[in-house]
Amino acid sequence: MIDHVCTRSLSGQRAGEDLPRPAGGGVDENLPPETEAAQRSVELALIPAAGRRAVAVFLGRDDYEKQETVATPVMANLLMECLPAFVHDLAGHVVLITQFQEDVMLNATQMIVTTGGIARSIVVQGYVFMDLRGERVVVSVRREEEGPDVVSRLVVRSNRDAARFSRQWTVFAREHNYLRGQAFFADGKIIERNQAYSWDDIVLPEETRQAVRLHVEGFLRNVTQLRALGVKARRGLILAGPPGTGKTLLGKVLADTLRCSFMWVTPRHIRPWRPTDFAHVLDVARFIAPSVLFLEDVDVFAEQRDMRGDICLGELMNQLDGAVNNEEILTIATTNRLEVIEKAIRNRPGRFDRVLHIGDMDDDCRRRLLERILAKAEVSPEDMAHLVSVTKGYTGAQLEELANTLYMFCLDKCAVASDDEDASPPAILISRPVITAALEEFRVERKTGLGFTTTR
């Protein structure tokens, strides 16, 4: 869960006055004497011009080295969240976290990220002053909110070697950022659900299940050995099938069971007039690899060039198989309309190596699914066999809706009403007349597909 929390103080202090230390979240306590002296030098040097003089006094020079980076908010958050841990790893101390507004010192603007029950503070606007046992470093971050793209400007200033600090910080952040090993959306928000999904929650033909496990779990598990054998350490898979066949549920199962980072990308994360969105998404996927990139409804932005010619299409193809290395990235795309996807994507190993067609559920799959979603009802073996027979060609979503209809018909027939929320539901008996009535009322459109269910 990510909460945006503005922690600016309501009032500041003028330069030259006794300045309190702003609460910064992450400022070290019990600082060594030399670090406390460094902290006081920052406060006493507070003057206008966005704290430039304070930085110069803290670093002990005006001509300090500077390393500037422009990053998307997600990448900036990954770096800034682990900055205090990186400083501690270098046996250093965070002296002060603040921001300057003309001649006023205020609390830095921060964002709180909660992962695994732990609240983490990320500075999104302000300065972080650090003492690294002889090296003084200041990192500033400013979020640009003008123009079509929102980006963050990260500036590292050092009295020794800003470029070296930036390189080491980036290497540390690759392994210790808060999104590594998490399932999250492309905007950086952690995916939170009321239940965790497993392979027991999805009904698949055995050959389909084995194919998914080979090309997904097997690839991720054996990627090092595959690379040693000369196999490319990246892979792409398209899940194709009509609506309601369980493609999204399969994504949830993989997100909750795979032991790697999992980024979920929906059409809302890709703006059709900003093809660079794909570059930003792949940048994050590479940063947290090994990772799974789950592109939902890829046909929305990958239609054939002679049909729409979306400018995003070229950037998508380039990012999937271009000059940049995508090692240890598994891309999974879903589509309801495989026929409209650009051939250079769907028929191009290296971008998407396989298309997995989600076909009909056989009798065994439908029986297992119906038994699961009707587990709280009493259904005779003969009536269950009848249900399996008459639902040939139903998708999982349609089977679930049929079960909902059966439950409602039974309760309506019982005509039992109660205001007691703790009262046990009446016994549900699904008989042949109820099945016939529900099927007549439901009038489901027949579609082929793979079945899925939700926990009841």
Protein backbone atom coordinates (compact mmCIF):
# COMPACT_ATOMS: atom_id res chain seq x y z
CA MET A 1 0.00 0.00 0.00
CA ILE A 2 1.29 3.47 -0.82
CA ASP A 3 0.02 6.58 0.92
CA HIS A 4 1.05 10.06 -0.15
CA VAL A 5 1.75 12.04 3.01
CA CYS A 6 2.84 15.65 2.93
CA THR A 7 4.99 16.37 5.99
CA ARG A 8 5.75 20.03 5.46
CA SER A 9 5.68 22.04 8.65
CA LEU A 10 3.16 24.85 8.91
CA SER A 11 5.78 27.44 9.79
CA GLY A 12 9.49 27.92 9.14
CA GLN A 13 12.38 29.90 10.54
CA ARG A 14 14.15 32.84 8.95
CA ALA A 15 17.86 32.65 8.19
CA GLY A 16 20.00 33.81 11.10
CA GLU A 17 17.49 32.70 13.76
CA ASP A 18 17.95 29.66 15.98
CA LEU A 19 16.77 26.86 13.73
CA PRO A 20 15.13 23.70 15.02
CA ARG A 21 16.04 20.44 13.35
CA PRO A 22 13.09 19.47 11.14
CA ALA A 23 11.60 16.05 11.73
CA GLY A 24 12.78 14.18 8.69
CA GLY A 25 12.02 10.50 9.13
CA GLY A 26 15.29 8.66 8.71
CA VAL A 27 17.61 11.17 10.42
CA ASP A 28 20.02 9.20 12.60
CA GLU A 29 19.87 9.59 16.37
CA ASN A 30 22.90 9.57 18.70
CA LEU A 31 25.21 11.04 16.10
CA PRO A 32 28.99 11.01 16.68
CA PRO A 33 30.42 14.40 17.77
CA GLU A 34 31.93 15.16 14.36
CA THR A 35 28.60 14.41 12.65
CA GLU A 36 26.72 16.62 15.11
CA ALA A 37 29.13 19.42 14.25
CA ALA A 38 28.42 18.82 10.57
CA GLN A 39 24.71 19.05 11.26
CA ARG A 40 25.12 22.40 13.03
CA SER A 41 27.10 23.74 10.09
CA VAL A 42 24.14 22.97 7.82
CA GLU A 43 21.67 24.79 10.02
CA LEU A 44 23.83 27.85 10.61
CA ALA A 45 24.49 28.19 6.89
CA LEU A 46 20.82 28.38 5.98
CA ILE A 47 20.29 31.27 3.56
CA PRO A 48 18.11 31.86 0.45
CA ALA A 49 18.67 30.34 -3.01
CA ALA A 50 17.20 26.91 -2.22
CA GLY A 51 19.86 26.08 0.34
CA ARG A 52 22.82 26.19 -2.06
CA ARG A 53 24.99 27.94 0.50
CA ALA A 54 24.01 25.40 3.16
CA VAL A 55 25.12 22.60 0.81
CA ALA A 56 28.40 24.41 0.04
CA VAL A 57 29.22 24.92 3.72
CA PHE A 58 28.35 21.32 4.56
CA LEU A 59 30.60 19.99 1.79
CA GLY A 60 33.33 22.47 2.67
CA ARG A 61 33.62 23.90 -0.84
CA ASP A 62 31.63 25.77 -3.46
CA ASP A 63 32.93 23.91 -6.52
CA TYR A 64 31.66 20.47 -5.44
CA GLU A 65 31.11 17.65 -7.90
CA LYS A 66 27.54 17.19 -9.06
CA GLN A 67 25.82 14.20 -10.69
CA GLU A 68 22.28 14.79 -11.98
CA THR A 69 19.76 12.16 -13.08
CA VAL A 70 16.24 12.52 -14.45
CA ALA A 71 14.08 9.55 -13.45
CA THR A 72 10.46 8.51 -13.47
CA PRO A 73 8.74 8.72 -10.07
CA VAL A 74 8.85 4.91 -9.64
CA MET A 75 12.60 4.74 -10.27
CA ALA A 76 13.21 7.77 -8.05
CA ASN A 77 11.17 6.17 -5.27
CA LEU A 78 13.21 2.94 -5.53
CA LEU A 79 16.42 4.91 -5.11
CA MET A 80 15.29 7.31 -2.39
CA GLU A 81 13.62 4.64 -0.25
CA CYS A 82 16.84 2.69 0.20
CA LEU A 83 19.14 5.73 0.56
CA PRO A 84 19.30 5.63 4.40
CA ALA A 85 20.04 1.88 4.32
CA PHE A 86 22.80 2.49 1.77
CA VAL A 87 24.34 5.17 3.98
CA HIS A 88 24.30 2.83 6.97
CA ASP A 89 25.85 0.10 4.82
CA LEU A 90 28.76 2.51 4.27
CA ALA A 91 28.98 3.05 8.05
CA GLY A 92 27.76 6.61 7.54
CA HIS A 93 25.04 8.75 9.11
CA VAL A 94 22.06 10.73 7.84
CA VAL A 95 22.62 14.17 9.31
CA LEU A 96 19.56 16.10 8.21
CA ILE A 97 16.53 15.75 5.95
CA THR A 98 14.90 19.04 5.02
CA GLN A 99 13.84 21.31 2.18
CA PHE A 100 14.35 24.99 1.54
CA GLN A 101 11.75 27.47 0.41
CA GLU A 102 13.32 30.86 -0.18
CA ASP A 103 14.80 31.67 3.27
CA VAL A 104 12.68 29.17 5.18
CA MET A 105 13.66 25.64 6.23
CA LEU A 106 10.75 23.17 6.16
CA ASN A 107 10.22 19.47 6.60
CA ALA A 108 10.86 17.46 3.47
CA THR A 109 7.86 16.21 1.51
CA GLN A 110 7.68 12.48 2.00
CA MET A 111 5.67 9.48 0.88
CA ILE A 112 4.94 6.50 3.11
CA VAL A 113 5.13 3.05 1.53
CA THR A 114 3.90 0.04 3.50
CA THR A 115 5.19 -3.37 2.45
CA GLY A 116 5.03 -6.48 4.60
CA GLY A 117 3.55 -4.46 7.44
CA ILE A 118 6.60 -2.16 7.53
CA ALA A 119 6.12 1.57 6.85
CA ARG A 120 8.95 3.07 4.83
CA SER A 121 9.55 6.78 4.34
CA ILE A 122 10.57 8.13 0.92
CA VAL A 123 11.69 11.72 0.42
CA VAL A 124 10.10 13.00 -2.80
CA GLN A 125 10.97 16.69 -2.39
CA GLY A 126 13.91 17.91 -0.37
CA TYR A 127 17.54 17.41 0.63
CA VAL A 128 19.28 14.57 2.47
CA PHE A 129 22.61 15.48 4.12
CA MET A 130 24.97 12.58 4.89
CA ASP A 131 28.32 12.15 6.62
CA LEU A 132 30.21 9.10 5.31
CA ARG A 133 33.34 8.92 7.46
CA GLY A 134 35.28 11.63 5.72
CA GLU A 135 33.08 12.12 2.67
CA ARG A 136 30.19 14.56 2.77
CA VAL A 137 27.29 13.91 0.37
CA VAL A 138 24.03 15.75 -0.29
CA VAL A 139 21.25 14.17 -2.34
CA SER A 140 18.40 16.39 -3.47
CA VAL A 141 15.21 15.29 -5.17
CA ARG A 142 12.64 17.50 -6.87
CA ARG A 143 9.50 16.23 -8.53
CA GLU A 144 8.61 18.09 -11.70
CA GLU A 145 4.86 18.41 -12.06
CA GLU A 146 4.81 20.51 -15.20
CA GLY A 147 4.28 19.15 -18.68
CA PRO A 148 2.83 15.83 -19.85
CA ASP A 149 5.35 13.69 -17.95
CA VAL A 150 5.97 13.76 -14.22
CA VAL A 151 9.64 13.10 -13.53
CA SER A 152 12.02 13.48 -10.62
CA ARG A 153 15.37 15.22 -10.74
CA LEU A 154 17.94 13.56 -8.50
CA VAL A 155 21.15 15.47 -7.82
CA VAL A 156 24.11 14.01 -5.93
CA ARG A 157 26.69 16.47 -4.59
CA SER A 158 29.89 15.28 -2.97
CA ASN A 159 33.11 16.80 -1.70
CA ARG A 160 34.93 13.76 -3.15
CA ASP A 161 33.33 11.77 -6.00
CA ALA A 162 29.62 12.23 -6.81
CA ALA A 163 29.74 9.85 -9.79
CA ARG A 164 31.19 7.02 -7.69
CA PHE A 165 28.57 7.53 -4.98
CA SER A 166 25.80 7.45 -7.62
CA ARG A 167 27.10 4.19 -9.12
CA GLN A 168 27.40 2.46 -5.75
CA TRP A 169 23.97 3.72 -4.68
CA THR A 170 22.38 2.38 -7.87
CA VAL A 171 24.00 -1.04 -7.45
CA PHE A 172 22.78 -1.20 -3.84
CA ALA A 173 19.26 -0.14 -4.85
CA ARG A 174 19.00 -2.91 -7.46
CA GLU A 175 19.26 -5.53 -4.74
CA HIS A 176 17.59 -3.77 -1.80
CA ASN A 177 14.65 -1.78 -3.21
CA TYR A 178 11.18 -2.27 -1.74
CA LEU A 179 9.59 -3.57 -4.98
CA ARG A 180 12.02 -6.48 -5.42
CA GLY A 181 10.10 -9.72 -4.97
CA GLN A 182 6.76 -7.88 -4.75
CA ALA A 183 3.70 -7.93 -7.00
CA PHE A 184 2.88 -4.37 -8.02
CA PHE A 185 1.23 -2.24 -10.69
CA ALA A 186 3.25 -0.30 -13.26
CA ASP A 187 2.73 2.92 -11.28
CA GLY A 188 4.57 1.37 -8.31
CA LYS A 189 1.56 0.60 -6.14
CA ILE A 190 1.79 -2.71 -4.30
CA ILE A 191 -0.99 -5.15 -5.28
CA GLU A 192 -3.10 -5.98 -2.26
CA ARG A 193 -5.95 -8.50 -2.32
CA ASN A 194 -8.25 -10.02 0.26
CA GLN A 195 -6.99 -13.49 -0.58
CA ALA A 196 -3.84 -15.09 -1.91
CA TYR A 197 -4.30 -17.16 -5.05
CA SER A 198 -2.73 -20.55 -5.71
CA TRP A 199 -2.90 -23.21 -8.40
CA ASP A 200 -5.79 -24.77 -6.47
CA ASP A 201 -7.92 -21.75 -7.39
CA ILE A 202 -7.83 -22.35 -11.13
CA VAL A 203 -9.13 -25.23 -13.22
CA LEU A 204 -7.05 -25.96 -16.29
CA PRO A 205 -6.67 -28.88 -18.66
CA GLU A 206 -3.55 -30.73 -17.60
CA GLU A 207 -1.70 -30.00 -20.85
CA THR A 208 -2.37 -26.26 -20.44
CA ARG A 209 -1.19 -26.29 -16.83
CA GLN A 210 1.99 -28.12 -17.81
CA ALA A 211 2.68 -25.68 -20.66
CA VAL A 212 2.35 -22.67 -18.37
CA ARG A 213 4.57 -24.24 -15.73
CA LEU A 214 7.23 -25.17 -18.30
CA HIS A 215 7.42 -21.77 -19.99
CA VAL A 216 6.97 -19.68 -16.82
CA GLU A 217 8.05 -21.51 -13.67
CA GLY A 218 10.57 -23.70 -15.47
CA PHE A 219 12.15 -20.77 -17.29
CA LEU A 220 12.53 -18.67 -14.14
CA ARG A 221 13.82 -21.58 -12.09
CA ASN A 222 16.44 -22.64 -14.67
CA VAL A 223 17.38 -19.31 -16.25
CA THR A 224 21.02 -19.51 -15.15
CA GLN A 225 21.50 -23.00 -16.58
CA LEU A 226 19.64 -22.04 -19.74
CA ARG A 227 21.96 -19.08 -20.26
CA ALA A 228 24.97 -21.38 -19.87
CA LEU A 229 23.51 -23.58 -22.62
CA GLY A 230 23.23 -20.62 -24.98
CA VAL A 231 19.48 -20.05 -24.50
CA LYS A 232 18.41 -16.41 -24.37
CA ALA A 233 17.70 -15.43 -20.78
CA ARG A 234 14.45 -13.68 -21.67
CA ARG A 235 11.11 -15.09 -22.75
CA GLY A 236 7.68 -14.01 -23.96
CA LEU A 237 4.32 -15.77 -23.78
CA ILE A 238 0.89 -14.72 -25.09
CA LEU A 239 -2.23 -16.08 -23.39
CA ALA A 240 -4.98 -15.94 -26.01
CA GLY A 241 -8.64 -16.73 -25.44
CA PRO A 242 -12.14 -15.21 -25.33
CA PRO A 243 -13.34 -13.07 -22.41
CA GLY A 244 -14.07 -14.85 -19.16
CA THR A 245 -11.70 -17.74 -19.73
CA GLY A 246 -9.46 -17.07 -16.74
CA LYS A 247 -6.47 -15.23 -18.22
CA THR A 248 -6.57 -12.56 -15.54
CA LEU A 249 -7.01 -15.15 -12.80
CA LEU A 250 -3.99 -17.01 -14.14
CA GLY A 251 -2.05 -13.76 -13.79
CA LYS A 252 -3.14 -13.51 -10.15
CA VAL A 253 -2.05 -17.08 -9.49
CA LEU A 254 1.36 -16.41 -11.01
CA ALA A 255 1.74 -13.11 -9.15
CA ASP A 256 1.09 -14.83 -5.82
CA THR A 257 3.09 -18.02 -6.40
CA LEU A 258 6.20 -16.99 -8.37
CA ARG A 259 9.25 -16.13 -6.30
CA CYS A 260 10.26 -13.04 -8.25
CA SER A 261 9.21 -9.46 -8.90
CA PHE A 262 5.89 -9.20 -10.75
CA MET A 263 4.80 -6.01 -12.54
CA TRP A 264 1.17 -5.81 -13.70
CA VAL A 265 0.61 -3.43 -16.63
CA THR A 266 -2.90 -2.48 -17.75
CA PRO A 267 -3.92 -0.16 -20.62
CA ARG A 268 -4.38 2.67 -18.11
CA HIS A 269 -0.63 2.64 -17.47
CA ILE A 270 0.23 3.18 -21.15
CA ARG A 271 -0.84 6.48 -22.67
CA PRO A 272 -1.30 6.17 -26.45
CA TRP A 273 0.38 9.52 -27.09
CA ARG A 274 3.39 8.73 -24.86
CA PRO A 275 5.26 5.71 -26.27
CA THR A 276 8.03 6.35 -23.75
CA ASP A 277 5.74 4.78 -21.14
CA PHE A 278 6.89 1.39 -22.42
CA ALA A 279 10.52 2.43 -21.94
CA HIS A 280 9.77 3.49 -18.37
CA VAL A 281 8.00 0.20 -17.63
CA LEU A 282 10.85 -1.89 -19.02
CA ASP A 283 13.40 0.22 -17.12
CA VAL A 284 11.77 -0.82 -13.86
CA ALA A 285 11.44 -4.46 -14.98
CA ARG A 286 15.17 -4.56 -15.76
CA PHE A 287 16.04 -2.88 -12.46
CA ILE A 288 14.25 -5.51 -10.37
CA ALA A 289 14.99 -8.57 -12.56
CA PRO A 290 14.43 -11.48 -12.40
CA SER A 291 10.92 -10.24 -13.04
CA VAL A 292 7.64 -11.01 -14.77
CA LEU A 293 6.06 -8.28 -16.89
CA PHE A 294 2.33 -8.99 -17.19
CA LEU A 295 0.75 -6.98 -20.05
CA GLU A 296 -3.02 -7.19 -19.77
CA ASP A 297 -5.05 -6.76 -22.98
CA VAL A 298 -1.99 -6.24 -25.16
CA ASP A 299 -4.20 -5.86 -28.26
CA VAL A 300 -5.21 -2.40 -27.02
CA PHE A 301 -1.78 -1.02 -27.92
CA ALA A 302 -0.41 -3.68 -30.29
CA GLU A 303 -2.88 -3.71 -33.17
CA GLN A 304 -1.53 -4.36 -36.64
CA ARG A 305 0.09 -1.33 -38.22
CA ASP A 306 -2.24 -1.35 -41.23
CA MET A 307 -5.24 -1.23 -38.87
CA ARG A 308 -4.33 1.66 -36.61
CA GLY A 309 -0.63 2.41 -36.68
CA ASP A 310 -0.42 3.34 -33.03
CA ILE A 311 2.88 5.07 -32.25
CA CYS A 312 3.18 2.92 -29.12
CA LEU A 313 3.55 -0.22 -31.23
CA GLY A 314 7.03 0.57 -32.49
CA GLU A 315 8.29 1.42 -29.03
CA LEU A 316 6.79 -1.79 -27.61
CA MET A 317 8.58 -3.90 -30.24
CA ASN A 318 11.84 -2.05 -29.66
CA GLN A 319 11.68 -2.46 -25.89
CA LEU A 320 10.87 -6.18 -26.11
CA ASP A 321 13.69 -6.98 -28.51
CA GLY A 322 15.86 -3.98 -29.17
CA ALA A 323 19.31 -2.77 -28.24
CA VAL A 324 18.68 -2.92 -24.48
CA ASN A 325 19.28 -6.20 -22.64
CA ASN A 326 16.15 -7.80 -21.19
CA GLU A 327 17.85 -10.71 -19.45
CA GLU A 328 15.84 -12.50 -16.76
CA ILE A 329 12.60 -10.80 -17.82
CA LEU A 330 9.60 -12.96 -18.67
CA THR A 331 6.88 -11.06 -20.53
CA ILE A 332 3.34 -12.47 -20.42
CA ALA A 333 0.63 -10.78 -22.47
CA THR A 334 -3.10 -11.51 -22.53
CA THR A 335 -5.51 -10.87 -25.38
CA ASN A 336 -9.08 -11.57 -26.38
CA ARG A 337 -8.27 -10.72 -30.01
CA LEU A 338 -5.14 -12.47 -31.15
CA GLU A 339 -6.01 -11.92 -34.81
CA VAL A 340 -5.60 -8.12 -34.59
CA ILE A 341 -2.17 -8.15 -32.94
CA GLU A 342 0.74 -7.06 -35.12
CA LYS A 343 2.38 -10.09 -36.71
CA ALA A 344 5.84 -8.80 -35.86
CA ILE A 345 4.84 -9.33 -32.21
CA ARG A 346 2.73 -12.47 -32.14
CA ASN A 347 4.78 -14.37 -34.74
CA ARG A 348 8.20 -13.17 -33.63
CA PRO A 349 10.24 -15.35 -31.23
CA GLY A 350 12.41 -13.04 -29.18
CA ARG A 351 9.45 -10.80 -28.48
CA PHE A 352 6.80 -13.43 -27.80
CA ASP A 353 8.15 -16.95 -28.23
CA ARG A 354 4.89 -18.85 -27.79
CA VAL A 355 1.16 -18.26 -28.10
CA LEU A 356 -0.78 -20.39 -25.64
CA HIS A 357 -4.35 -20.81 -26.84
CA ILE A 358 -6.82 -21.29 -24.02
CA GLY A 359 -9.23 -23.91 -25.33
CA ASP A 360 -12.37 -25.66 -24.22
CA MET A 361 -12.71 -27.14 -20.79
CA ASP A 362 -13.23 -30.84 -21.06
CA ASP A 363 -15.86 -32.70 -19.04
CA ASP A 364 -13.45 -33.33 -16.19
CA CYS A 365 -12.55 -29.65 -15.86
CA ARG A 366 -16.19 -28.57 -15.87
CA ARG A 367 -17.05 -31.21 -13.29
CA ARG A 368 -14.23 -30.14 -10.97
CA LEU A 369 -15.16 -26.49 -11.32
CA LEU A 370 -18.89 -27.09 -10.74
CA GLU A 371 -18.18 -29.26 -7.71
CA ARG A 372 -16.06 -26.50 -6.24
CA ILE A 373 -18.40 -23.58 -6.75
CA LEU A 374 -21.46 -25.64 -5.70
CA ALA A 375 -19.72 -27.13 -2.66
CA LYS A 376 -22.20 -25.49 -0.25
CA ALA A 377 -25.17 -27.09 -1.96
CA GLU A 378 -26.47 -30.62 -2.14
CA VAL A 379 -26.38 -31.95 -5.70
CA SER A 380 -27.03 -35.58 -6.58
CA PRO A 381 -24.44 -37.38 -8.75
CA GLU A 382 -27.05 -37.66 -11.51
CA ASP A 383 -27.83 -33.94 -11.46
CA MET A 384 -24.14 -33.03 -11.37
CA ALA A 385 -23.56 -35.25 -14.42
CA HIS A 386 -26.48 -33.46 -16.11
CA LEU A 387 -24.96 -30.05 -15.33
CA VAL A 388 -21.62 -31.13 -16.77
CA SER A 389 -23.36 -32.36 -19.93
CA VAL A 390 -25.47 -29.26 -20.59
CA THR A 391 -22.66 -26.74 -19.93
CA LYS A 392 -20.33 -27.86 -22.68
CA GLY A 393 -18.61 -24.79 -24.14
CA TYR A 394 -19.25 -22.57 -21.11
CA THR A 395 -16.42 -20.34 -19.92
CA GLY A 396 -15.43 -20.31 -16.29
CA ALA A 397 -17.07 -16.93 -15.79
CA GLN A 398 -20.31 -18.29 -17.24
CA LEU A 399 -20.19 -21.37 -15.03
CA GLU A 400 -19.71 -19.18 -11.98
CA GLU A 401 -22.67 -17.00 -12.97
CA LEU A 402 -24.77 -20.12 -13.54
CA ALA A 403 -23.87 -21.26 -10.01
CA ASN A 404 -24.89 -17.85 -8.66
CA THR A 405 -28.21 -18.20 -10.45
CA LEU A 406 -28.76 -21.68 -9.03
CA TYR A 407 -28.11 -20.43 -5.49
CA MET A 408 -30.53 -17.52 -5.96
CA PHE A 409 -33.25 -19.79 -7.37
CA CYS A 410 -32.89 -22.14 -4.40
CA LEU A 411 -33.03 -19.36 -1.81
CA ASP A 412 -36.00 -17.78 -3.55
CA LYS A 413 -37.76 -21.12 -3.52
CA CYS A 414 -37.08 -21.48 0.22
CA ALA A 415 -38.60 -18.01 0.78
CA VAL A 416 -36.68 -17.70 4.05
CA ALA A 417 -35.81 -14.21 5.21
CA SER A 418 -33.88 -13.31 8.32
CA ASP A 419 -32.42 -10.12 9.77
CA ASP A 420 -29.97 -12.12 11.84
CA GLU A 421 -26.55 -11.68 10.21
CA ASP A 422 -25.17 -14.63 12.19
CA ALA A 423 -27.92 -16.99 11.13
CA SER A 424 -26.78 -20.02 9.16
CA PRO A 425 -28.01 -20.16 5.56
CA PRO A 426 -30.72 -22.72 4.89
CA ALA A 427 -29.82 -26.07 3.38
CA ILE A 428 -29.49 -25.73 -0.39
CA LEU A 429 -30.81 -28.57 -2.50
CA ILE A 430 -30.21 -28.18 -6.24
CA SER A 431 -32.68 -30.44 -8.00
CA ARG A 432 -33.36 -31.08 -11.67
CA PRO A 433 -36.32 -28.62 -11.82
CA VAL A 434 -34.11 -25.88 -10.31
CA ILE A 435 -31.38 -26.62 -12.85
CA THR A 436 -33.86 -26.47 -15.73
CA ALA A 437 -35.32 -23.16 -14.51
CA ALA A 438 -31.88 -21.60 -13.98
CA LEU A 439 -30.67 -22.64 -17.42
CA GLU A 440 -33.80 -21.24 -19.04
CA GLU A 441 -33.44 -17.94 -17.20
CA PHE A 442 -29.71 -17.69 -17.69
CA ARG A 443 -29.74 -18.21 -21.49
CA VAL A 444 -25.97 -18.04 -21.56
CA GLU A 445 -24.14 -17.39 -24.81
CA ARG A 446 -21.95 -20.38 -25.58
CA LYS A 447 -18.23 -19.63 -25.73
CA THR A 448 -15.20 -21.84 -25.49
CA GLY A 449 -12.67 -21.28 -22.79
CA LEU A 450 -10.80 -22.27 -19.73
CA GLY A 451 -12.57 -22.43 -16.39
CA PHE A 452 -11.85 -20.50 -13.28
CA THR A 453 -13.39 -19.98 -9.89
CA THR A 454 -13.25 -17.78 -6.85
CA THR A 455 -13.06 -18.88 -3.28
CA ARG A 456 -16.42 -19.29 -1.65
